[in-house]
Every structure is written in structure tokens, then in C-alpha cells.
Amino acid sequence: MKPYTRDELREKTIKLIHNFIPELQDAELTEESVVNTDTNIDSLSLIMLITKVESTFKVRIPRKEWNKISTLGELLDKVEQRLPDVK
């Protein structure tokens, strides 16, 4: 069993995005939202956001996979795959 449900992961990640990019406070983000264009952040900010997500969930997404992440759902998939099972 994972420590977070998909809904919890999504809510917490959206909250991180809203905190990281204050001008998106009112933006409604879904799993289909393209992280770098729909959120209007540049590539450096995207890297910083992924790093923040990694530290929040205590996972490590290999750098070579970062360029494969375009939507919020894909980011959640990468995090979810790396979460440890808890008993």
C-alpha cells in the first residue's frame, strides 16, 4: 500500500504549484494540465518545481526522465511509481 492515494498526491502537488507560483493561486489544474505551458513557467522553474516535489514526497525522479514529464498526471505517475510501499 502506498503512503498517499492518487487524490492526495494530486491535491498536495497542486498546492505546491500554487505556493511555488503565486500567480496561479486561482488556476484550476487537472492531470491533463501541461505543467510548463498551462502553468506558464520556464524550464528552470520546472526543474525547481520537480525538485520540490521530490523533496516533499521523498522520492527521486532520474534527471533523464524529467524531459518526459509534460502534464501534471505524468508528474504524478513518476512520483507514484517511486513511492515506497508501507505496511
Protein backbone atom coordinates (compact mmCIF):
# COMPACT_ATOMS: atom_id res chain seq x y z
CA MET A 1 0.00 0.00 0.00
CA LYS A 2 1.31 3.45 -0.92
CA PRO A 3 1.55 6.23 1.70
CA TYR A 4 -0.63 8.52 -0.45
CA THR A 5 -3.70 7.94 -2.58
CA ARG A 6 -3.70 9.40 -6.10
CA ASP A 7 -6.11 12.10 -4.93
CA GLU A 8 -3.82 13.03 -2.02
CA LEU A 9 -0.81 13.18 -4.35
CA ARG A 10 -2.70 15.40 -6.79
CA GLU A 11 -4.01 17.75 -4.10
CA LYS A 12 -0.64 18.11 -2.41
CA THR A 13 1.18 18.65 -5.73
CA ILE A 14 -1.34 21.26 -6.88
CA LYS A 15 -0.91 23.02 -3.55
CA LEU A 16 2.88 23.00 -4.12
CA ILE A 17 2.39 24.51 -7.58
CA HIS A 18 0.08 27.20 -6.21
CA ASN A 19 2.59 28.05 -3.46
CA PHE A 20 5.56 27.95 -5.84
CA ILE A 21 3.83 30.11 -8.45
CA PRO A 22 1.59 32.53 -6.54
CA GLU A 23 0.01 33.96 -9.70
CA LEU A 24 -1.56 30.51 -10.23
CA GLN A 25 -3.48 30.61 -6.93
CA ASP A 26 -6.79 30.75 -8.77
CA ALA A 27 -5.84 28.45 -11.65
CA GLU A 28 -7.68 25.16 -11.82
CA LEU A 29 -5.13 22.46 -12.58
CA THR A 30 -6.05 18.96 -13.68
CA GLU A 31 -3.99 15.89 -14.51
CA GLU A 32 -4.24 16.93 -18.17
CA SER A 33 -2.70 20.36 -17.48
CA VAL A 34 0.61 20.76 -19.26
CA VAL A 35 2.91 21.76 -16.44
CA ASN A 36 5.25 24.12 -18.26
CA THR A 37 2.80 25.80 -20.67
CA ASP A 38 -0.51 25.79 -18.79
CA THR A 39 1.26 26.99 -15.65
CA ASN A 40 3.36 29.43 -17.67
CA ILE A 41 6.68 28.52 -16.01
CA ASP A 42 10.05 28.33 -17.69
CA SER A 43 12.28 25.27 -17.80
CA LEU A 44 14.38 26.34 -14.80
CA SER A 45 11.26 26.84 -12.69
CA LEU A 46 10.00 23.44 -13.84
CA ILE A 47 13.24 21.84 -12.62
CA MET A 48 12.91 23.65 -9.30
CA LEU A 49 9.29 22.50 -9.02
CA ILE A 50 10.21 18.87 -9.72
CA THR A 51 12.96 19.11 -7.10
CA LYS A 52 10.44 20.50 -4.60
CA VAL A 53 8.02 17.65 -5.40
CA GLU A 54 10.85 15.13 -4.94
CA SER A 55 11.74 16.52 -1.52
CA THR A 56 8.12 16.73 -0.41
CA PHE A 57 7.35 13.11 -1.25
CA LYS A 58 10.90 11.86 -0.51
CA VAL A 59 11.34 10.31 -3.95
CA ARG A 60 13.98 10.71 -6.63
CA ILE A 61 12.98 11.06 -10.29
CA PRO A 62 16.01 10.40 -12.51
CA ARG A 63 17.05 13.53 -14.40
CA LYS A 64 16.85 11.67 -17.73
CA GLU A 65 13.09 11.25 -17.13
CA TRP A 66 12.40 14.93 -16.45
CA ASN A 67 12.08 15.74 -20.16
CA LYS A 68 9.36 13.06 -20.44
CA ILE A 69 7.13 14.91 -17.99
CA SER A 70 4.76 17.34 -19.62
CA THR A 71 1.43 17.01 -17.78
CA LEU A 72 0.58 17.09 -14.12
CA GLY A 73 -0.66 13.50 -14.48
CA GLU A 74 2.73 12.37 -15.84
CA LEU A 75 4.48 14.03 -12.90
CA LEU A 76 2.11 12.26 -10.51
CA ASP A 77 2.79 8.95 -12.31
CA LYS A 78 6.55 9.37 -11.79
CA VAL A 79 6.08 10.19 -8.11
CA GLU A 80 3.58 7.37 -7.58
CA GLN A 81 5.93 4.81 -9.18
CA ARG A 82 8.68 5.75 -6.74
CA LEU A 83 6.72 5.91 -3.52
CA PRO A 84 7.65 3.11 -1.15
CA ASP A 85 5.02 0.64 -0.07
CA VAL A 86 4.08 0.92 3.59
CA LYS A 87 2.65 -1.84 5.68
